[in-house]
N, C-alpha and C. Protein backbone atom coordinates (compact mmCIF):
# COMPACT_ATOMS: atom_id res chain seq x y z
N MET A 1 37.85 -18.63 14.22
CA MET A 1 37.95 -19.18 12.91
C MET A 1 37.14 -18.26 11.99
N ALA A 2 37.91 -17.86 10.82
CA ALA A 2 37.27 -17.07 9.75
C ALA A 2 36.53 -18.01 8.83
N LYS A 3 35.58 -17.37 8.19
CA LYS A 3 34.87 -18.03 7.14
C LYS A 3 35.74 -18.63 6.02
N ALA A 4 35.65 -19.82 5.78
CA ALA A 4 36.42 -20.42 4.70
C ALA A 4 35.80 -20.07 3.38
N LYS A 5 36.63 -19.77 2.41
CA LYS A 5 36.06 -19.38 1.01
C LYS A 5 36.16 -20.60 0.14
N ALA A 6 35.22 -20.69 -0.74
CA ALA A 6 35.25 -21.81 -1.73
C ALA A 6 36.59 -21.77 -2.50
N ARG A 7 37.03 -20.59 -2.78
CA ARG A 7 38.31 -20.55 -3.67
C ARG A 7 39.46 -21.11 -2.89
N GLU A 8 39.52 -21.08 -1.62
CA GLU A 8 40.70 -21.64 -0.79
C GLU A 8 40.56 -23.09 -0.91
N PHE A 9 39.30 -23.62 -0.90
CA PHE A 9 39.26 -25.14 -0.94
C PHE A 9 39.59 -25.58 -2.35
N ARG A 10 39.20 -24.83 -3.43
CA ARG A 10 39.49 -25.25 -4.82
C ARG A 10 41.06 -25.39 -5.01
N GLU A 11 41.79 -24.48 -4.38
CA GLU A 11 43.33 -24.52 -4.56
C GLU A 11 43.97 -25.71 -3.75
N MET A 12 43.26 -26.30 -2.78
CA MET A 12 43.83 -27.39 -2.10
C MET A 12 43.69 -28.66 -2.87
N ALA A 13 44.50 -29.66 -2.45
CA ALA A 13 44.37 -31.14 -2.94
C ALA A 13 43.30 -31.83 -2.23
N ALA A 14 42.71 -32.79 -2.91
CA ALA A 14 41.44 -33.48 -2.46
C ALA A 14 41.77 -34.08 -1.10
N ASP A 15 43.00 -34.68 -0.85
CA ASP A 15 43.32 -35.23 0.47
C ASP A 15 43.46 -34.16 1.53
N ALA A 16 43.93 -33.04 1.18
CA ALA A 16 43.99 -31.83 2.19
C ALA A 16 42.68 -31.37 2.56
N ILE A 17 41.71 -31.33 1.60
CA ILE A 17 40.35 -30.88 1.90
C ILE A 17 39.70 -31.98 2.83
N ALA A 18 40.01 -33.22 2.59
CA ALA A 18 39.32 -34.30 3.47
C ALA A 18 39.87 -34.15 4.89
N THR A 19 41.11 -33.85 5.09
CA THR A 19 41.70 -33.74 6.26
C THR A 19 41.24 -32.50 6.97
N LYS A 20 40.91 -31.46 6.22
CA LYS A 20 40.47 -30.13 6.77
C LYS A 20 38.93 -30.42 7.26
N VAL A 21 38.21 -31.27 6.51
CA VAL A 21 36.82 -31.44 6.77
C VAL A 21 36.79 -32.28 8.19
N LYS A 22 37.65 -33.17 8.35
CA LYS A 22 37.76 -34.00 9.67
C LYS A 22 37.98 -33.04 10.74
N GLU A 23 39.00 -32.12 10.48
CA GLU A 23 39.36 -31.22 11.61
C GLU A 23 38.16 -30.25 11.93
N MET A 24 37.48 -29.76 10.96
CA MET A 24 36.34 -28.89 11.18
C MET A 24 35.20 -29.76 11.92
N GLU A 25 35.05 -30.90 11.45
CA GLU A 25 33.94 -31.68 12.29
C GLU A 25 34.26 -31.96 13.68
N ALA A 26 35.49 -32.23 13.96
CA ALA A 26 35.96 -32.32 15.39
C ALA A 26 35.72 -31.06 16.06
N ASN A 27 36.11 -29.95 15.44
CA ASN A 27 35.93 -28.62 15.96
C ASN A 27 34.52 -28.33 16.38
N LEU A 28 33.62 -28.73 15.39
CA LEU A 28 32.14 -28.54 15.52
C LEU A 28 31.55 -29.33 16.64
N PHE A 29 32.23 -30.45 16.80
CA PHE A 29 31.57 -31.39 17.91
C PHE A 29 31.98 -30.72 19.27
N ASP A 30 33.19 -30.23 19.31
CA ASP A 30 33.70 -29.56 20.55
C ASP A 30 32.85 -28.25 20.85
N MET A 31 32.57 -27.48 19.84
CA MET A 31 31.80 -26.35 20.01
C MET A 31 30.31 -26.65 20.51
N ARG A 32 29.81 -27.84 19.92
CA ARG A 32 28.47 -28.24 20.24
C ARG A 32 28.45 -28.59 21.74
N LEU A 33 29.52 -29.30 22.22
CA LEU A 33 29.60 -29.66 23.58
C LEU A 33 29.67 -28.49 24.49
N GLN A 34 30.53 -27.38 24.12
CA GLN A 34 30.56 -26.18 24.89
C GLN A 34 29.27 -25.43 24.82
N ALA A 35 28.57 -25.50 23.68
CA ALA A 35 27.25 -24.71 23.79
C ALA A 35 26.23 -25.41 24.60
N SER A 36 26.26 -26.67 24.74
CA SER A 36 25.38 -27.42 25.63
C SER A 36 25.76 -27.20 27.04
N LEU A 37 26.91 -26.98 27.31
CA LEU A 37 27.35 -26.79 28.70
C LEU A 37 27.22 -25.14 29.12
N GLY A 38 26.87 -24.36 28.05
CA GLY A 38 26.72 -22.97 28.16
C GLY A 38 28.05 -22.11 28.34
N LYS A 39 28.95 -22.75 27.74
CA LYS A 39 30.41 -22.10 27.79
C LYS A 39 30.83 -21.48 26.45
N LEU A 40 30.00 -21.76 25.38
CA LEU A 40 30.34 -21.18 24.11
C LEU A 40 29.79 -19.79 24.08
N GLU A 41 30.69 -18.85 23.86
CA GLU A 41 30.24 -17.41 23.82
C GLU A 41 29.71 -16.98 22.49
N ASN A 42 30.34 -17.41 21.43
CA ASN A 42 29.80 -16.96 20.21
C ASN A 42 29.11 -18.15 19.35
N THR A 43 27.80 -18.27 19.62
CA THR A 43 27.17 -19.48 19.06
C THR A 43 27.01 -19.33 17.45
N ALA A 44 27.19 -18.18 16.89
CA ALA A 44 27.17 -18.13 15.40
C ALA A 44 28.26 -18.87 14.83
N LEU A 45 29.39 -19.22 15.50
CA LEU A 45 30.38 -20.12 14.96
C LEU A 45 29.83 -21.51 14.62
N LEU A 46 28.81 -21.93 15.35
CA LEU A 46 28.29 -23.28 14.90
C LEU A 46 27.71 -23.28 13.49
N ASN A 47 27.01 -22.25 13.17
CA ASN A 47 26.41 -22.21 11.89
C ASN A 47 27.50 -22.00 10.85
N THR A 48 28.46 -21.08 11.16
CA THR A 48 29.57 -20.80 10.22
C THR A 48 30.36 -22.06 9.89
N THR A 49 30.62 -22.75 10.95
CA THR A 49 31.50 -23.98 10.88
C THR A 49 30.75 -25.08 9.97
N ARG A 50 29.40 -25.15 10.30
CA ARG A 50 28.63 -26.14 9.70
C ARG A 50 28.54 -25.83 8.20
N LYS A 51 28.46 -24.61 7.85
CA LYS A 51 28.38 -24.18 6.39
C LYS A 51 29.73 -24.36 5.71
N ASP A 52 30.78 -24.09 6.55
CA ASP A 52 32.18 -24.35 6.00
C ASP A 52 32.46 -25.78 5.72
N ILE A 53 32.03 -26.59 6.50
CA ILE A 53 32.01 -28.14 6.17
C ILE A 53 31.31 -28.42 5.00
N ALA A 54 30.03 -28.04 4.80
CA ALA A 54 29.29 -28.23 3.63
C ALA A 54 30.03 -27.69 2.44
N ARG A 55 30.55 -26.54 2.42
CA ARG A 55 31.24 -25.94 1.39
C ARG A 55 32.44 -26.73 0.88
N ALA A 56 33.25 -27.29 1.91
CA ALA A 56 34.33 -28.07 1.58
C ALA A 56 34.01 -29.46 1.06
N LYS A 57 32.92 -29.98 1.56
CA LYS A 57 32.51 -31.35 1.00
C LYS A 57 31.93 -31.18 -0.37
N THR A 58 31.29 -30.03 -0.73
CA THR A 58 30.85 -29.90 -2.17
C THR A 58 32.08 -29.76 -3.04
N ILE A 59 33.06 -29.00 -2.61
CA ILE A 59 34.22 -28.77 -3.51
C ILE A 59 34.87 -30.21 -3.67
N LEU A 60 34.96 -30.97 -2.51
CA LEU A 60 35.60 -32.32 -2.54
C LEU A 60 34.90 -33.23 -3.52
N LYS A 61 33.57 -33.14 -3.51
CA LYS A 61 32.69 -33.93 -4.52
C LYS A 61 32.98 -33.61 -5.85
N GLN A 62 33.06 -32.22 -6.16
CA GLN A 62 33.30 -31.82 -7.38
C GLN A 62 34.61 -32.24 -8.08
N LYS A 63 35.63 -32.25 -7.13
CA LYS A 63 36.97 -32.68 -7.59
C LYS A 63 36.97 -34.10 -7.84
N GLU A 64 36.20 -34.99 -7.04
CA GLU A 64 36.10 -36.38 -7.31
C GLU A 64 35.38 -36.71 -8.67
N THR A 65 34.33 -36.04 -8.87
CA THR A 65 33.69 -36.29 -10.14
C THR A 65 34.41 -35.75 -11.39
N ALA A 66 35.19 -34.71 -11.16
CA ALA A 66 36.00 -34.14 -12.31
C ALA A 66 37.15 -35.19 -12.64
N ALA A 67 37.68 -35.86 -11.65
CA ALA A 67 38.69 -36.72 -11.87
C ALA A 67 38.27 -38.09 -12.51
N LYS A 68 37.02 -38.29 -12.61
CA LYS A 68 36.58 -39.64 -13.25
C LYS A 68 36.45 -39.54 -14.71
């Protein structure tokens, strides 16, 4: 999974961002499980995914406040 850019999230609709966040959170859960079992080869993906989730949530919050 490549690093998600803030520009990509800004171009998406709010509901699409929310869906993407849920997908990334599920993916993060799976990666954490694999890491605990010692099967995750690239542990840097945990931090990258976590930061991508935070980036997407920030953009989502900005879109929500701008709509008000």
